[in-house]
C-alpha atoms as a PDB file:
ATOM      1  CA  MET A   1     -37.279 -32.649 -95.872  1.00  0.00           C
ATOM      2  CA  THR A   2     -33.919 -33.810 -97.189  1.00  0.00           C
ATOM      3  CA  VAL A   3     -31.369 -31.214 -96.144  1.00  0.00           C
ATOM      4  CA  THR A   4     -27.747 -32.376 -95.852  1.00  0.00           C
ATOM      5  CA  ALA A   5     -25.494 -30.469 -93.488  1.00  0.00           C
ATOM      6  CA  GLY A   6     -25.745 -26.969 -94.867  1.00  0.00           C
ATOM      7  CA  GLN A   7     -26.944 -28.009 -98.326  1.00  0.00           C
ATOM      8  CA  TRP A   8     -30.503 -27.429 -99.481  1.00  0.00           C
ATOM      9  CA  GLN A   9     -32.103 -28.497-102.772  1.00  0.00           C
ATOM     10  CA  LEU A  10     -33.561 -25.524-104.459  1.00  0.00           C
ATOM     11  CA  GLN A  11     -37.153 -26.691-104.075  1.00  0.00           C
ATOM     12  CA  GLU A  12     -36.642 -27.388-100.381  1.00  0.00           C
ATOM     13  CA  ALA A  13     -35.025 -23.974 -99.911  1.00  0.00           C
ATOM     14  CA  LYS A  14     -38.015 -22.319-101.515  1.00  0.00           C
ATOM     15  CA  GLN A  15     -40.559 -24.340 -99.464  1.00  0.00           C
ATOM     16  CA  HIS A  16     -38.766 -23.858 -96.158  1.00  0.00           C
ATOM     17  CA  PHE A  17     -37.228 -20.424 -96.554  1.00  0.00           C
ATOM     18  CA  SER A  18     -37.733 -19.390 -92.965  1.00  0.00           C
ATOM     19  CA  GLU A  19     -35.960 -22.555 -91.818  1.00  0.00           C
ATOM     20  CA  LEU A  20     -33.127 -21.820 -94.229  1.00  0.00           C
ATOM     21  CA  ILE A  21     -32.704 -18.333 -92.722  1.00  0.00           C
ATOM     22  CA  ARG A  22     -32.749 -19.785 -89.220  1.00  0.00           C
ATOM     23  CA  ALA A  23     -30.030 -22.254 -90.223  1.00  0.00           C
ATOM     24  CA  VAL A  24     -27.945 -19.401 -91.627  1.00  0.00           C
ATOM     25  CA  ARG A  25     -28.188 -17.593 -88.298  1.00  0.00           C
ATOM     26  CA  THR A  26     -27.337 -20.610 -86.189  1.00  0.00           C
ATOM     27  CA  ASP A  27     -25.112 -22.796 -88.431  1.00  0.00           C
ATOM     28  CA  GLY A  28     -23.492 -20.389 -90.838  1.00  0.00           C
ATOM     29  CA  PRO A  29     -23.618 -20.216 -94.604  1.00  0.00           C
ATOM     30  CA  GLN A  30     -26.075 -22.562 -96.329  1.00  0.00           C
ATOM     31  CA  PHE A  31     -25.566 -23.813 -99.866  1.00  0.00           C
ATOM     32  CA  VAL A  32     -28.495 -24.199-102.318  1.00  0.00           C
ATOM     33  CA  THR A  33     -28.129 -26.856-105.021  1.00  0.00           C
ATOM     34  CA  LYS A  34     -29.898 -27.478-108.338  1.00  0.00           C
ATOM     35  CA  HIS A  35     -29.507 -30.839-110.043  1.00  0.00           C
ATOM     36  CA  GLY A  36     -26.792 -31.659-107.499  1.00  0.00           C
ATOM     37  CA  GLN A  37     -24.619 -28.613-108.245  1.00  0.00           C
ATOM     38  CA  GLN A  38     -24.166 -25.744-105.834  1.00  0.00           C
ATOM     39  CA  VAL A  39     -25.791 -22.645-107.368  1.00  0.00           C
ATOM     40  CA  ALA A  40     -26.079 -20.230-104.489  1.00  0.00           C
ATOM     41  CA  VAL A  41     -25.053 -19.572-100.954  1.00  0.00           C
ATOM     42  CA  VAL A  42     -27.102 -17.732 -98.340  1.00  0.00           C
ATOM     43  CA  LEU A  43     -25.069 -15.761 -95.783  1.00  0.00           C
ATOM     44  CA  ASP A  44     -25.864 -13.858 -92.682  1.00  0.00           C
ATOM     45  CA  ILE A  45     -25.873 -10.149 -93.408  1.00  0.00           C
ATOM     46  CA  VAL A  46     -23.049  -9.484 -90.940  1.00  0.00           C
ATOM     47  CA  ASP A  47     -20.805 -12.065 -92.733  1.00  0.00           C
ATOM     48  CA  TYR A  48     -21.678 -10.620 -96.076  1.00  0.00           C
ATOM     49  CA  ARG A  49     -20.913  -6.987 -95.026  1.00  0.00           C
ATOM     50  CA  ARG A  50     -17.603  -8.135 -93.527  1.00  0.00           C
ATOM     51  CA  MET A  51     -16.761 -10.026 -96.709  1.00  0.00           C
ATOM     52  CA  VAL A  52     -17.415  -7.003 -99.004  1.00  0.00           C
ATOM     53  CA  GLY A  53     -15.847  -4.524 -96.644  1.00  0.00           C
ATOM     54  CA  VAL A  54     -18.956  -2.554 -95.753  1.00  0.00           C
ATOM     55  CA  GLU A  55     -18.608  -0.980 -92.341  1.00  0.00           C
ATOM     56  CA  LEU A  56     -21.638  -1.279 -90.082  1.00  0.00           C
ATOM     57  CA  VAL A  57     -22.974   2.000 -88.762  1.00  0.00           C
ATOM     58  CA  GLU A  58     -24.064   1.571 -85.201  1.00  0.00           C
ATOM     59  CA  ASP A  59     -26.840   4.105 -85.233  1.00  0.00           C
ATOM     60  CA  PHE A  60     -28.116   7.162 -87.054  1.00  0.00           C
ATOM     61  CA  LYS A  61     -26.368   9.551 -84.588  1.00  0.00           C
ATOM     62  CA  SER A  62     -23.025   7.848 -85.328  1.00  0.00           C
ATOM     63  CA  PHE A  63     -23.746   8.060 -89.080  1.00  0.00           C
ATOM     64  CA  LEU A  64     -24.340  11.850 -88.811  1.00  0.00           C
ATOM     65  CA  ALA A  65     -21.257  12.278 -86.631  1.00  0.00           C
ATOM     66  CA  SER A  66     -19.131  10.547 -89.260  1.00  0.00           C
ATOM     67  CA  ALA A  67     -20.106  13.107 -91.930  1.00  0.00           C
ATOM     68  CA  PRO A  68     -17.180  15.234 -93.325  1.00  0.00           C
ATOM     69  CA  ASP A  69     -16.537  18.688 -91.833  1.00  0.00           C
ATOM     70  CA  LEU A  70     -18.229  21.258 -94.170  1.00  0.00           C
ATOM     71  CA  SER A  71     -17.050  24.345 -92.434  1.00  0.00           C
ATOM     72  CA  ASP A  72     -13.981  24.601 -94.710  1.00  0.00           C
ATOM     73  CA  LEU A  73     -16.273  24.926 -97.790  1.00  0.00           C
ATOM     74  CA  GLU A  74     -16.608  28.431 -99.216  1.00  0.00           C
ATOM     75  CA  ILE A  75     -20.302  28.714 -99.743  1.00  0.00           C
ATOM     76  CA  GLU A  76     -21.678  32.019-100.924  1.00  0.00           C
ATOM     77  CA  ARG A  77     -25.285  32.980-100.527  1.00  0.00           C
ATOM     78  CA  SER A  78     -27.005  35.717-102.381  1.00  0.00           C
ATOM     79  CA  THR A  79     -27.810  38.842-100.361  1.00  0.00           C
ATOM     80  CA  GLU A  80     -30.643  39.772-102.657  1.00  0.00           C
ATOM     81  CA  PRO A  81     -34.152  39.589-101.156  1.00  0.00           C
ATOM     82  CA  ALA A  82     -36.356  36.773-102.182  1.00  0.00           C
ATOM     83  CA  ARG A  83     -38.721  37.571-105.132  1.00  0.00           C
ATOM     84  CA  GLN A  84     -42.316  38.358-104.371  1.00  0.00           C
ATOM     85  CA  VAL A  85     -44.765  35.639-105.487  1.00  0.00           C
ATOM     86  CA  ASP A  86     -48.380  36.512-106.292  1.00  0.00           C
ATOM     87  CA  PHE A  87     -50.691  33.658-105.228  1.00  0.00           C
ATOM     88  CA  GLU A  88     -53.808  35.157-106.692  1.00  0.00           C
END
């Protein structure tokens, strides 16, 4: 395998994808080249989210707790009884 410090030829990246991902986790961003030109970069998901400004939600409970307060909404519900449905 001919990988040069964080640079992977496209064919090598495809053949050794799991190694590429391991390198991303341990060594940081990895560049993929095609015909000697950099064409892509593989980033750790944490780095990507930080770069695009996506906040990480710690868990589902925190996600629910961060929902807006809906008690101020004026929601009206019909007082009419539900219609009868004949299942025969």
